[in-house]
């Protein structure tokens, strides 16, 4: 091998290692984060591969079939992980709407990480950025500015939106265990998927009457449950800024939706949330179902969480006054 071939071989090897490191290390940007943030937003096939993989995994149901226990596990994991996302990734890490211990915040961060929505610090940074620039040009996922499909899933296929801006989540970045979890955000989902496969295999051996196995449990418990959970979460970015009712006069297009509130355990009261993001509850009124808040309230009785921030009285009165004014205006026109 001559010197030119050696240099070429070394370059190919370095390229492969760099790509592999970028896949497994969420904080690895050899050109620097600043250069990545300067790039235009665009669809990138490489960044879309994880989502393609998750969706293709759902097709495994063609070969594995279904069983009552597999569907039950998928539904249970949807509910549990949705709560981890809504209660902790969102209301705790993003908005500090209540307090908890360092151990509990780490355990729920791990649980939220199983939802395959990247690390808790990245999630919190992106969401805080969204509130700061909601439905303006800087917003990463505004349907009114960048289109419905882009706001739903497209924005997650652009390298520009991948770096975690740790300077904007300093309150969380001081915990090395959270930073580590955020940096290597693929480890927990991989272990979670493996555990589901092993549990299914164990059930096949020790409880064959249940009619499940490792591959079926992997398809239903991991792939199908995760994909449905992902799209339900992303619907808050797209649908909740396009359809529904505006109870508050906010400077964005956030909407309230009962349907989204049902599938996301309370996140559908999005206009409420954009009016007052610091509250632990998003269903401000008694008839606005907010399952995440009910669970947090129950956990507060155990001491696991505490100091749930309430909705100020003036915020509730503001909605009543706006509704009265709109009713009076409608009556006057008629």
C-alpha atoms as a PDB file:
ATOM      1  CA  UNK A   1       0.000   0.000   0.000  1.00  0.00           C
ATOM      2  CA  UNK A   2       1.541   3.348  -1.036  1.00  0.00           C
ATOM      3  CA  UNK A   3       1.351   6.554   1.031  1.00  0.00           C
ATOM      4  CA  UNK A   4      -1.593   7.976  -0.965  1.00  0.00           C
ATOM      5  CA  UNK A   5      -3.603   4.790  -0.418  1.00  0.00           C
ATOM      6  CA  UNK A   6      -2.742   4.851   3.283  1.00  0.00           C
ATOM      7  CA  UNK A   7      -3.961   8.441   3.599  1.00  0.00           C
ATOM      8  CA  UNK A   8      -7.177   7.584   1.713  1.00  0.00           C
ATOM      9  CA  UNK A   9      -7.768   4.515   3.881  1.00  0.00           C
ATOM     10  CA  UNK A  10      -7.229   6.573   7.003  1.00  0.00           C
ATOM     11  CA  UNK A  11      -9.697   9.178   5.778  1.00  0.00           C
ATOM     12  CA  UNK A  12     -12.380   6.541   5.095  1.00  0.00           C
ATOM     13  CA  UNK A  13     -11.816   5.023   8.523  1.00  0.00           C
ATOM     14  CA  UNK A  14     -12.042   8.405  10.200  1.00  0.00           C
ATOM     15  CA  UNK A  15     -15.260   9.155   8.323  1.00  0.00           C
ATOM     16  CA  UNK A  16     -16.863   5.879   9.448  1.00  0.00           C
ATOM     17  CA  UNK A  17     -15.793   6.472  13.049  1.00  0.00           C
ATOM     18  CA  UNK A  18     -17.111  10.028  12.952  1.00  0.00           C
ATOM     19  CA  UNK A  19     -20.509   8.897  11.641  1.00  0.00           C
ATOM     20  CA  UNK A  20     -20.730   6.152  14.261  1.00  0.00           C
ATOM     21  CA  UNK A  21     -19.821   8.553  17.022  1.00  0.00           C
ATOM     22  CA  UNK A  22     -22.445  11.042  15.855  1.00  0.00           C
ATOM     23  CA  UNK A  23     -25.043   8.279  16.004  1.00  0.00           C
ATOM     24  CA  UNK A  24     -24.176   7.205  19.534  1.00  0.00           C
ATOM     25  CA  UNK A  25     -23.022  10.516  21.065  1.00  0.00           C
ATOM     26  CA  UNK A  26     -25.702  13.213  20.907  1.00  0.00           C
ATOM     27  CA  UNK A  27     -23.215  15.916  21.920  1.00  0.00           C
ATOM     28  CA  UNK A  28     -20.584  15.135  19.282  1.00  0.00           C
ATOM     29  CA  UNK A  29     -20.351  17.904  16.671  1.00  0.00           C
ATOM     30  CA  UNK A  30     -16.818  17.977  15.209  1.00  0.00           C
ATOM     31  CA  UNK A  31     -17.533  21.221  13.337  1.00  0.00           C
ATOM     32  CA  UNK A  32     -18.854  22.855  16.505  1.00  0.00           C
ATOM     33  CA  UNK A  33     -22.406  23.527  17.677  1.00  0.00           C
ATOM     34  CA  UNK A  34     -22.294  27.109  16.364  1.00  0.00           C
ATOM     35  CA  UNK A  35     -21.677  25.886  12.817  1.00  0.00           C
ATOM     36  CA  UNK A  36     -24.553  23.390  13.092  1.00  0.00           C
ATOM     37  CA  UNK A  37     -26.935  26.111  14.257  1.00  0.00           C
ATOM     38  CA  UNK A  38     -25.973  28.236  11.252  1.00  0.00           C
ATOM     39  CA  UNK A  39     -27.109  25.538   8.830  1.00  0.00           C
ATOM     40  CA  UNK A  40     -30.476  25.964   7.103  1.00  0.00           C
ATOM     41  CA  UNK A  41     -33.342  23.797   8.269  1.00  0.00           C
ATOM     42  CA  UNK A  42     -33.775  20.941   5.834  1.00  0.00           C
ATOM     43  CA  UNK A  43     -34.784  17.311   5.683  1.00  0.00           C
ATOM     44  CA  UNK A  44     -31.808  14.985   6.165  1.00  0.00           C
ATOM     45  CA  UNK A  45     -32.173  11.298   5.447  1.00  0.00           C
ATOM     46  CA  UNK A  46     -29.547  10.362   8.017  1.00  0.00           C
ATOM     47  CA  UNK A  47     -31.436  12.145  10.775  1.00  0.00           C
ATOM     48  CA  UNK A  48     -34.689  10.538   9.643  1.00  0.00           C
ATOM     49  CA  UNK A  49     -33.302   6.992   9.895  1.00  0.00           C
ATOM     50  CA  UNK A  50     -34.254   6.454  13.581  1.00  0.00           C
ATOM     51  CA  UNK A  51     -37.868   7.392  12.820  1.00  0.00           C
ATOM     52  CA  UNK A  52     -37.931   5.229   9.709  1.00  0.00           C
ATOM     53  CA  UNK A  53     -36.560   2.355  11.790  1.00  0.00           C
ATOM     54  CA  UNK A  54     -39.274   2.775  14.433  1.00  0.00           C
ATOM     55  CA  UNK A  55     -42.058   2.822  11.844  1.00  0.00           C
ATOM     56  CA  UNK A  56     -40.675  -0.143   9.918  1.00  0.00           C
ATOM     57  CA  UNK A  57     -40.485  -2.067  13.184  1.00  0.00           C
ATOM     58  CA  UNK A  58     -44.264  -1.778  13.481  1.00  0.00           C
ATOM     59  CA  UNK A  59     -44.596  -3.824  10.293  1.00  0.00           C
ATOM     60  CA  UNK A  60     -43.235  -6.766  12.248  1.00  0.00           C
ATOM     61  CA  UNK A  61     -46.805  -7.339  13.406  1.00  0.00           C
ATOM     62  CA  UNK A  62     -47.402  -8.984  10.017  1.00  0.00           C
ATOM     63  CA  UNK A  63     -45.205 -11.876  11.154  1.00  0.00           C
ATOM     64  CA  UNK A  64     -45.662 -11.809  14.940  1.00  0.00           C
ATOM     65  CA  UNK A  65     -49.429 -11.360  15.030  1.00  0.00           C
ATOM     66  CA  UNK A  66     -51.063 -10.209  18.224  1.00  0.00           C
ATOM     67  CA  UNK A  67     -52.220 -11.467  21.587  1.00  0.00           C
ATOM     68  CA  UNK A  68     -54.282  -9.883  24.368  1.00  0.00           C
ATOM     69  CA  UNK A  69     -51.248  -9.707  26.651  1.00  0.00           C
ATOM     70  CA  UNK A  70     -49.110  -7.967  23.982  1.00  0.00           C
ATOM     71  CA  UNK A  71     -51.795  -5.357  23.337  1.00  0.00           C
ATOM     72  CA  UNK A  72     -52.288  -4.853  27.079  1.00  0.00           C
ATOM     73  CA  UNK A  73     -48.551  -4.323  27.575  1.00  0.00           C
ATOM     74  CA  UNK A  74     -48.436  -1.869  24.655  1.00  0.00           C
ATOM     75  CA  UNK A  75     -51.351   0.133  26.106  1.00  0.00           C
ATOM     76  CA  UNK A  76     -49.885   0.132  29.621  1.00  0.00           C
ATOM     77  CA  UNK A  77     -46.475   1.247  28.391  1.00  0.00           C
ATOM     78  CA  UNK A  78     -48.125   3.992  26.326  1.00  0.00           C
ATOM     79  CA  UNK A  79     -49.881   5.310  29.438  1.00  0.00           C
ATOM     80  CA  UNK A  80     -46.868   5.044  31.761  1.00  0.00           C
ATOM     81  CA  UNK A  81     -44.415   6.610  29.331  1.00  0.00           C
ATOM     82  CA  UNK A  82     -46.864   9.326  28.303  1.00  0.00           C
ATOM     83  CA  UNK A  83     -47.073  10.312  31.955  1.00  0.00           C
ATOM     84  CA  UNK A  84     -43.277  10.382  32.178  1.00  0.00           C
ATOM     85  CA  UNK A  85     -43.187  12.715  29.163  1.00  0.00           C
ATOM     86  CA  UNK A  86     -46.068  14.982  30.210  1.00  0.00           C
ATOM     87  CA  UNK A  87     -45.439  14.986  33.938  1.00  0.00           C
ATOM     88  CA  UNK A  88     -41.649  15.109  34.010  1.00  0.00           C
ATOM     89  CA  UNK A  89     -40.095  15.874  30.608  1.00  0.00           C
ATOM     90  CA  UNK A  90     -42.664  18.657  30.159  1.00  0.00           C
ATOM     91  CA  UNK A  91     -44.102  19.974  33.401  1.00  0.00           C
ATOM     92  CA  UNK A  92     -41.044  19.286  35.567  1.00  0.00           C
ATOM     93  CA  UNK A  93     -37.908  19.548  33.419  1.00  0.00           C
ATOM     94  CA  UNK A  94     -39.246  22.171  31.005  1.00  0.00           C
ATOM     95  CA  UNK A  95     -41.280  24.326  33.408  1.00  0.00           C
ATOM     96  CA  UNK A  96     -40.381  23.360  36.983  1.00  0.00           C
ATOM     97  CA  UNK A  97     -44.077  23.262  37.845  1.00  0.00           C
ATOM     98  CA  UNK A  98     -43.361  21.239  40.996  1.00  0.00           C
ATOM     99  CA  UNK A  99     -40.469  19.919  43.050  1.00  0.00           C
ATOM    100  CA  UNK A 100     -39.081  16.427  43.543  1.00  0.00           C
ATOM    101  CA  UNK A 101     -35.924  14.727  44.785  1.00  0.00           C
ATOM    102  CA  UNK A 102     -32.757  14.239  42.762  1.00  0.00           C
ATOM    103  CA  UNK A 103     -33.292  10.482  42.761  1.00  0.00           C
ATOM    104  CA  UNK A 104     -36.892  10.786  41.548  1.00  0.00           C
ATOM    105  CA  UNK A 105     -35.988  13.246  38.791  1.00  0.00           C
ATOM    106  CA  UNK A 106     -33.350  10.837  37.499  1.00  0.00           C
ATOM    107  CA  UNK A 107     -35.636   7.797  37.625  1.00  0.00           C
ATOM    108  CA  UNK A 108     -38.411   9.613  35.772  1.00  0.00           C
ATOM    109  CA  UNK A 109     -35.862  10.947  33.291  1.00  0.00           C
ATOM    110  CA  UNK A 110     -34.873   7.342  32.576  1.00  0.00           C
ATOM    111  CA  UNK A 111     -38.520   6.358  32.236  1.00  0.00           C
ATOM    112  CA  UNK A 112     -39.138   9.268  29.875  1.00  0.00           C
ATOM    113  CA  UNK A 113     -36.068   8.284  27.863  1.00  0.00           C
ATOM    114  CA  UNK A 114     -37.712   4.919  27.078  1.00  0.00           C
ATOM    115  CA  UNK A 115     -40.237   6.874  24.965  1.00  0.00           C
ATOM    116  CA  UNK A 116     -37.438   7.479  22.412  1.00  0.00           C
ATOM    117  CA  UNK A 117     -37.974  11.247  22.361  1.00  0.00           C
ATOM    118  CA  UNK A 118     -34.292  11.959  23.006  1.00  0.00           C
ATOM    119  CA  UNK A 119     -32.821  13.159  26.297  1.00  0.00           C
ATOM    120  CA  UNK A 120     -34.548  15.225  29.007  1.00  0.00           C
ATOM    121  CA  UNK A 121     -32.249  18.267  28.656  1.00  0.00           C
ATOM    122  CA  UNK A 122     -32.684  18.441  24.889  1.00  0.00           C
ATOM    123  CA  UNK A 123     -36.454  18.055  25.296  1.00  0.00           C
ATOM    124  CA  UNK A 124     -36.560  20.817  27.915  1.00  0.00           C
ATOM    125  CA  UNK A 125     -34.362  23.161  25.864  1.00  0.00           C
ATOM    126  CA  UNK A 126     -36.470  22.702  22.720  1.00  0.00           C
ATOM    127  CA  UNK A 127     -39.705  23.263  24.607  1.00  0.00           C
ATOM    128  CA  UNK A 128     -38.462  26.365  26.408  1.00  0.00           C
ATOM    129  CA  UNK A 129     -37.299  27.704  23.055  1.00  0.00           C
ATOM    130  CA  UNK A 130     -40.777  27.005  21.654  1.00  0.00           C
ATOM    131  CA  UNK A 131     -42.462  29.059  24.370  1.00  0.00           C
ATOM    132  CA  UNK A 132     -40.044  31.934  23.868  1.00  0.00           C
ATOM    133  CA  UNK A 133     -40.648  32.079  20.102  1.00  0.00           C
ATOM    134  CA  UNK A 134     -44.029  30.373  19.746  1.00  0.00           C
ATOM    135  CA  UNK A 135     -45.415  30.632  16.197  1.00  0.00           C
ATOM    136  CA  UNK A 136     -42.720  33.069  15.134  1.00  0.00           C
ATOM    137  CA  UNK A 137     -39.917  32.509  12.649  1.00  0.00           C
ATOM    138  CA  UNK A 138     -37.504  31.208  15.305  1.00  0.00           C
ATOM    139  CA  UNK A 139     -39.959  28.515  16.449  1.00  0.00           C
ATOM    140  CA  UNK A 140     -38.686  25.091  15.381  1.00  0.00           C
ATOM    141  CA  UNK A 141     -42.134  23.611  14.856  1.00  0.00           C
ATOM    142  CA  UNK A 142     -44.801  26.183  14.073  1.00  0.00           C
ATOM    143  CA  UNK A 143     -47.417  24.905  11.585  1.00  0.00           C
ATOM    144  CA  UNK A 144     -48.395  28.456  10.672  1.00  0.00           C
ATOM    145  CA  UNK A 145     -44.822  29.443   9.829  1.00  0.00           C
ATOM    146  CA  UNK A 146     -43.229  26.252   8.523  1.00  0.00           C
ATOM    147  CA  UNK A 147     -46.110  24.034   7.492  1.00  0.00           C
ATOM    148  CA  UNK A 148     -48.097  21.295   9.185  1.00  0.00           C
ATOM    149  CA  UNK A 149     -45.922  18.278   8.255  1.00  0.00           C
ATOM    150  CA  UNK A 150     -42.709  20.076   9.203  1.00  0.00           C
ATOM    151  CA  UNK A 151     -44.192  21.117  12.563  1.00  0.00           C
ATOM    152  CA  UNK A 152     -45.267  17.546  13.251  1.00  0.00           C
ATOM    153  CA  UNK A 153     -42.184  15.498  12.351  1.00  0.00           C
ATOM    154  CA  UNK A 154     -40.040  17.272   9.753  1.00  0.00           C
ATOM    155  CA  UNK A 155     -38.228  19.524  12.227  1.00  0.00           C
ATOM    156  CA  UNK A 156     -36.790  16.433  13.950  1.00  0.00           C
ATOM    157  CA  UNK A 157     -34.976  15.410  10.758  1.00  0.00           C
ATOM    158  CA  UNK A 158     -32.812  18.537  10.574  1.00  0.00           C
ATOM    159  CA  UNK A 159     -29.345  18.638  12.178  1.00  0.00           C
ATOM    160  CA  UNK A 160     -29.922  22.267  13.087  1.00  0.00           C
ATOM    161  CA  UNK A 161     -32.463  21.200  15.702  1.00  0.00           C
ATOM    162  CA  UNK A 162     -30.357  18.419  17.222  1.00  0.00           C
ATOM    163  CA  UNK A 163     -27.813  20.132  19.534  1.00  0.00           C
ATOM    164  CA  UNK A 164     -28.749  20.609  23.172  1.00  0.00           C
ATOM    165  CA  UNK A 165     -28.137  24.242  24.128  1.00  0.00           C
ATOM    166  CA  UNK A 166     -26.982  23.544  27.664  1.00  0.00           C
ATOM    167  CA  UNK A 167     -26.634  27.253  28.421  1.00  0.00           C
ATOM    168  CA  UNK A 168     -30.437  27.470  28.243  1.00  0.00           C
ATOM    169  CA  UNK A 169     -30.985  24.624  30.728  1.00  0.00           C
ATOM    170  CA  UNK A 170     -28.329  25.464  33.322  1.00  0.00           C
ATOM    171  CA  UNK A 171     -30.696  24.465  36.115  1.00  0.00           C
ATOM    172  CA  UNK A 172     -30.681  20.903  34.739  1.00  0.00           C
ATOM    173  CA  UNK A 173     -27.134  20.751  33.334  1.00  0.00           C
ATOM    174  CA  UNK A 174     -25.706  20.943  36.857  1.00  0.00           C
ATOM    175  CA  UNK A 175     -26.679  17.290  37.337  1.00  0.00           C
ATOM    176  CA  UNK A 176     -24.027  15.083  35.666  1.00  0.00           C
ATOM    177  CA  UNK A 177     -26.320  12.040  35.625  1.00  0.00           C
ATOM    178  CA  UNK A 178     -28.881  13.949  33.543  1.00  0.00           C
ATOM    179  CA  UNK A 179     -26.193  15.235  31.180  1.00  0.00           C
ATOM    180  CA  UNK A 180     -24.884  11.683  30.701  1.00  0.00           C
ATOM    181  CA  UNK A 181     -28.383  10.372  30.040  1.00  0.00           C
ATOM    182  CA  UNK A 182     -28.989  13.202  27.600  1.00  0.00           C
ATOM    183  CA  UNK A 183     -25.694  12.652  25.777  1.00  0.00           C
ATOM    184  CA  UNK A 184     -26.128   8.911  25.264  1.00  0.00           C
ATOM    185  CA  UNK A 185     -29.898   8.938  24.817  1.00  0.00           C
ATOM    186  CA  UNK A 186     -29.948   5.667  22.827  1.00  0.00           C
ATOM    187  CA  UNK A 187     -28.747   3.435  25.676  1.00  0.00           C
ATOM    188  CA  UNK A 188     -31.964   3.368  27.730  1.00  0.00           C
ATOM    189  CA  UNK A 189     -34.268   2.671  24.730  1.00  0.00           C
ATOM    190  CA  UNK A 190     -31.954  -0.137  23.594  1.00  0.00           C
ATOM    191  CA  UNK A 191     -31.977  -1.763  27.033  1.00  0.00           C
ATOM    192  CA  UNK A 192     -35.739  -1.247  27.263  1.00  0.00           C
ATOM    193  CA  UNK A 193     -36.306  -2.979  23.909  1.00  0.00           C
ATOM    194  CA  UNK A 194     -34.043  -5.871  24.921  1.00  0.00           C
ATOM    195  CA  UNK A 195     -35.893  -6.308  28.216  1.00  0.00           C
ATOM    196  CA  UNK A 196     -39.225  -6.455  26.402  1.00  0.00           C
ATOM    197  CA  UNK A 197     -37.893  -9.132  24.069  1.00  0.00           C
ATOM    198  CA  UNK A 198     -36.545 -11.174  26.994  1.00  0.00           C
ATOM    199  CA  UNK A 199     -39.805 -10.821  28.936  1.00  0.00           C
ATOM    200  CA  UNK A 200     -41.758 -12.035  25.919  1.00  0.00           C
ATOM    201  CA  UNK A 201     -39.387 -14.972  25.492  1.00  0.00           C
ATOM    202  CA  UNK A 202     -39.777 -15.831  29.182  1.00  0.00           C
ATOM    203  CA  UNK A 203     -43.560 -15.737  28.897  1.00  0.00           C
ATOM    204  CA  UNK A 204     -43.389 -18.036  25.886  1.00  0.00           C
ATOM    205  CA  UNK A 205     -41.415 -20.557  27.936  1.00  0.00           C
ATOM    206  CA  UNK A 206     -43.175 -20.335  31.299  1.00  0.00           C
ATOM    207  CA  UNK A 207     -46.687 -19.192  30.341  1.00  0.00           C
ATOM    208  CA  UNK A 208     -47.318 -20.497  26.800  1.00  0.00           C
ATOM    209  CA  UNK A 209     -51.085 -20.144  27.225  1.00  0.00           C
ATOM    210  CA  UNK A 210     -50.676 -16.361  26.970  1.00  0.00           C
ATOM    211  CA  UNK A 211     -49.794 -16.800  23.299  1.00  0.00           C
ATOM    212  CA  UNK A 212     -46.966 -14.318  23.169  1.00  0.00           C
ATOM    213  CA  UNK A 213     -43.214 -14.444  22.566  1.00  0.00           C
ATOM    214  CA  UNK A 214     -40.133 -12.254  22.455  1.00  0.00           C
ATOM    215  CA  UNK A 215     -40.615 -10.862  18.958  1.00  0.00           C
ATOM    216  CA  UNK A 216     -44.307 -10.136  19.469  1.00  0.00           C
ATOM    217  CA  UNK A 217     -43.622  -8.328  22.731  1.00  0.00           C
ATOM    218  CA  UNK A 218     -40.872  -6.309  21.051  1.00  0.00           C
ATOM    219  CA  UNK A 219     -43.146  -5.275  18.181  1.00  0.00           C
ATOM    220  CA  UNK A 220     -46.129  -4.329  20.338  1.00  0.00           C
ATOM    221  CA  UNK A 221     -44.455  -3.170  23.551  1.00  0.00           C
ATOM    222  CA  UNK A 222     -41.648  -1.236  21.910  1.00  0.00           C
ATOM    223  CA  UNK A 223     -42.292  -0.354  18.272  1.00  0.00           C
ATOM    224  CA  UNK A 224     -46.076   0.102  18.081  1.00  0.00           C
ATOM    225  CA  UNK A 225     -46.473   1.629  21.536  1.00  0.00           C
ATOM    226  CA  UNK A 226     -43.532   3.996  20.954  1.00  0.00           C
ATOM    227  CA  UNK A 227     -44.660   5.166  17.507  1.00  0.00           C
ATOM    228  CA  UNK A 228     -48.206   5.911  18.691  1.00  0.00           C
ATOM    229  CA  UNK A 229     -46.780   7.707  21.732  1.00  0.00           C
ATOM    230  CA  UNK A 230     -44.421   9.729  19.541  1.00  0.00           C
ATOM    231  CA  UNK A 231     -47.141  10.942  17.179  1.00  0.00           C
ATOM    232  CA  UNK A 232     -49.504  11.725  20.056  1.00  0.00           C
ATOM    233  CA  UNK A 233     -46.805  13.890  21.644  1.00  0.00           C
ATOM    234  CA  UNK A 234     -45.909  15.588  18.355  1.00  0.00           C
ATOM    235  CA  UNK A 235     -49.592  16.321  17.728  1.00  0.00           C
ATOM    236  CA  UNK A 236     -49.338  19.045  20.372  1.00  0.00           C
ATOM    237  CA  UNK A 237     -46.881  20.871  18.102  1.00  0.00           C
ATOM    238  CA  UNK A 238     -48.999  20.475  14.983  1.00  0.00           C
ATOM    239  CA  UNK A 239     -52.686  19.868  15.734  1.00  0.00           C
ATOM    240  CA  UNK A 240     -52.791  21.929  18.954  1.00  0.00           C
ATOM    241  CA  UNK A 241     -51.550  24.965  17.017  1.00  0.00           C
ATOM    242  CA  UNK A 242     -54.023  24.451  14.183  1.00  0.00           C
ATOM    243  CA  UNK A 243     -57.338  23.131  15.531  1.00  0.00           C
ATOM    244  CA  UNK A 244     -59.353  23.770  18.670  1.00  0.00           C
ATOM    245  CA  UNK A 245     -60.581  26.638  20.818  1.00  0.00           C
ATOM    246  CA  UNK A 246     -58.732  29.718  22.057  1.00  0.00           C
ATOM    247  CA  UNK A 247     -59.861  30.453  25.587  1.00  0.00           C
ATOM    248  CA  UNK A 248     -57.091  33.005  26.136  1.00  0.00           C
ATOM    249  CA  UNK A 249     -55.912  35.772  23.847  1.00  0.00           C
ATOM    250  CA  UNK A 250     -52.270  34.669  23.538  1.00  0.00           C
ATOM    251  CA  UNK A 251     -49.823  35.941  20.909  1.00  0.00           C
ATOM    252  CA  UNK A 252     -49.573  32.499  19.313  1.00  0.00           C
ATOM    253  CA  UNK A 253     -51.925  29.986  17.717  1.00  0.00           C
ATOM    254  CA  UNK A 254     -52.185  27.560  20.630  1.00  0.00           C
ATOM    255  CA  UNK A 255     -55.575  25.844  20.992  1.00  0.00           C
ATOM    256  CA  UNK A 256     -57.483  23.750  23.523  1.00  0.00           C
ATOM    257  CA  UNK A 257     -58.629  20.299  22.414  1.00  0.00           C
ATOM    258  CA  UNK A 258     -60.475  17.672  24.438  1.00  0.00           C
ATOM    259  CA  UNK A 259     -59.449  14.910  22.012  1.00  0.00           C
ATOM    260  CA  UNK A 260     -55.765  15.759  22.364  1.00  0.00           C
ATOM    261  CA  UNK A 261     -56.198  16.055  26.123  1.00  0.00           C
ATOM    262  CA  UNK A 262     -57.535  12.502  26.216  1.00  0.00           C
ATOM    263  CA  UNK A 263     -54.722  10.950  24.171  1.00  0.00           C
ATOM    264  CA  UNK A 264     -51.953  12.935  25.904  1.00  0.00           C
ATOM    265  CA  UNK A 265     -53.247  12.743  29.481  1.00  0.00           C
ATOM    266  CA  UNK A 266     -54.032  16.454  29.660  1.00  0.00           C
ATOM    267  CA  UNK A 267     -51.612  18.186  27.300  1.00  0.00           C
ATOM    268  CA  UNK A 268     -54.428  19.086  24.922  1.00  0.00           C
ATOM    269  CA  UNK A 269     -55.368  22.143  26.981  1.00  0.00           C
ATOM    270  CA  UNK A 270     -52.574  23.855  25.115  1.00  0.00           C
ATOM    271  CA  UNK A 271     -53.972  27.377  24.982  1.00  0.00           C
ATOM    272  CA  UNK A 272     -54.330  27.274  28.774  1.00  0.00           C
ATOM    273  CA  UNK A 273     -50.724  26.177  29.028  1.00  0.00           C
ATOM    274  CA  UNK A 274     -49.434  28.936  26.756  1.00  0.00           C
ATOM    275  CA  UNK A 275     -51.267  31.517  28.839  1.00  0.00           C
ATOM    276  CA  UNK A 276     -49.721  30.279  32.092  1.00  0.00           C
ATOM    277  CA  UNK A 277     -47.003  27.682  31.592  1.00  0.00           C
ATOM    278  CA  UNK A 278     -45.827  27.460  35.207  1.00  0.00           C
ATOM    279  CA  UNK A 279     -48.874  25.630  36.546  1.00  0.00           C
ATOM    280  CA  UNK A 280     -48.674  21.910  37.340  1.00  0.00           C
ATOM    281  CA  UNK A 281     -52.095  21.523  35.787  1.00  0.00           C
ATOM    282  CA  UNK A 282     -53.133  22.376  32.245  1.00  0.00           C
ATOM    283  CA  UNK A 283     -56.815  21.641  32.596  1.00  0.00           C
ATOM    284  CA  UNK A 284     -57.489  24.858  34.482  1.00  0.00           C
ATOM    285  CA  UNK A 285     -61.194  24.225  35.089  1.00  0.00           C
ATOM    286  CA  UNK A 286     -62.845  21.229  36.749  1.00  0.00           C
ATOM    287  CA  UNK A 287     -64.365  19.992  33.486  1.00  0.00           C
ATOM    288  CA  UNK A 288     -61.026  20.045  31.628  1.00  0.00           C
ATOM    289  CA  UNK A 289     -59.735  16.500  32.102  1.00  0.00           C
ATOM    290  CA  UNK A 290     -56.048  16.471  33.048  1.00  0.00           C
ATOM    291  CA  UNK A 291     -54.967  12.954  34.003  1.00  0.00           C
ATOM    292  CA  UNK A 292     -51.306  13.926  34.367  1.00  0.00           C
ATOM    293  CA  UNK A 293     -52.226  16.465  37.016  1.00  0.00           C
ATOM    294  CA  UNK A 294     -54.402  13.967  38.876  1.00  0.00           C
ATOM    295  CA  UNK A 295     -51.484  11.535  39.036  1.00  0.00           C
ATOM    296  CA  UNK A 296     -49.112  14.265  40.186  1.00  0.00           C
ATOM    297  CA  UNK A 297     -51.623  15.218  42.880  1.00  0.00           C
ATOM    298  CA  UNK A 298     -51.779  11.616  44.085  1.00  0.00           C
ATOM    299  CA  UNK A 299     -47.976  11.429  44.114  1.00  0.00           C
ATOM    300  CA  UNK A 300     -47.869  14.618  46.182  1.00  0.00           C
ATOM    301  CA  UNK A 301     -49.703  12.796  48.981  1.00  0.00           C
ATOM    302  CA  UNK A 302     -46.804  10.313  49.131  1.00  0.00           C
ATOM    303  CA  UNK A 303     -44.172  13.047  49.235  1.00  0.00           C
ATOM    304  CA  UNK A 304     -42.578  11.927  45.973  1.00  0.00           C
ATOM    305  CA  UNK A 305     -43.460  15.301  44.452  1.00  0.00           C
ATOM    306  CA  UNK A 306     -44.341  18.513  46.252  1.00  0.00           C
ATOM    307  CA  UNK A 307     -45.172  22.193  45.830  1.00  0.00           C
ATOM    308  CA  UNK A 308     -47.372  21.769  42.763  1.00  0.00           C
ATOM    309  CA  UNK A 309     -47.805  25.282  41.385  1.00  0.00           C
ATOM    310  CA  UNK A 310     -51.498  26.256  41.099  1.00  0.00           C
ATOM    311  CA  UNK A 311     -53.297  28.348  38.506  1.00  0.00           C
ATOM    312  CA  UNK A 312     -53.568  31.950  39.783  1.00  0.00           C
ATOM    313  CA  UNK A 313     -57.099  33.195  40.394  1.00  0.00           C
ATOM    314  CA  UNK A 314     -56.602  36.139  38.043  1.00  0.00           C
ATOM    315  CA  UNK A 315     -55.769  33.759  35.183  1.00  0.00           C
ATOM    316  CA  UNK A 316     -59.039  31.893  35.714  1.00  0.00           C
ATOM    317  CA  UNK A 317     -60.971  35.169  35.910  1.00  0.00           C
ATOM    318  CA  UNK A 318     -59.321  36.376  32.721  1.00  0.00           C
ATOM    319  CA  UNK A 319     -60.853  33.496  30.776  1.00  0.00           C
ATOM    320  CA  UNK A 320     -64.277  34.196  32.291  1.00  0.00           C
ATOM    321  CA  UNK A 321     -64.077  37.867  31.351  1.00  0.00           C
ATOM    322  CA  UNK A 322     -63.006  37.056  27.798  1.00  0.00           C
ATOM    323  CA  UNK A 323     -65.870  34.556  27.408  1.00  0.00           C
ATOM    324  CA  UNK A 324     -68.349  37.140  28.718  1.00  0.00           C
ATOM    325  CA  UNK A 325     -67.035  39.801  26.343  1.00  0.00           C
ATOM    326  CA  UNK A 326     -67.250  37.451  23.378  1.00  0.00           C
ATOM    327  CA  UNK A 327     -70.801  36.481  24.321  1.00  0.00           C
ATOM    328  CA  UNK A 328     -71.809  40.129  24.659  1.00  0.00           C
ATOM    329  CA  UNK A 329     -70.217  40.958  21.301  1.00  0.00           C
ATOM    330  CA  UNK A 330     -72.032  38.060  19.616  1.00  0.00           C
ATOM    331  CA  UNK A 331     -75.360  39.097  21.171  1.00  0.00           C
ATOM    332  CA  UNK A 332     -74.900  42.682  20.069  1.00  0.00           C
ATOM    333  CA  UNK A 333     -74.192  41.671  16.466  1.00  0.00           C
ATOM    334  CA  UNK A 334     -77.255  39.430  16.333  1.00  0.00           C
END
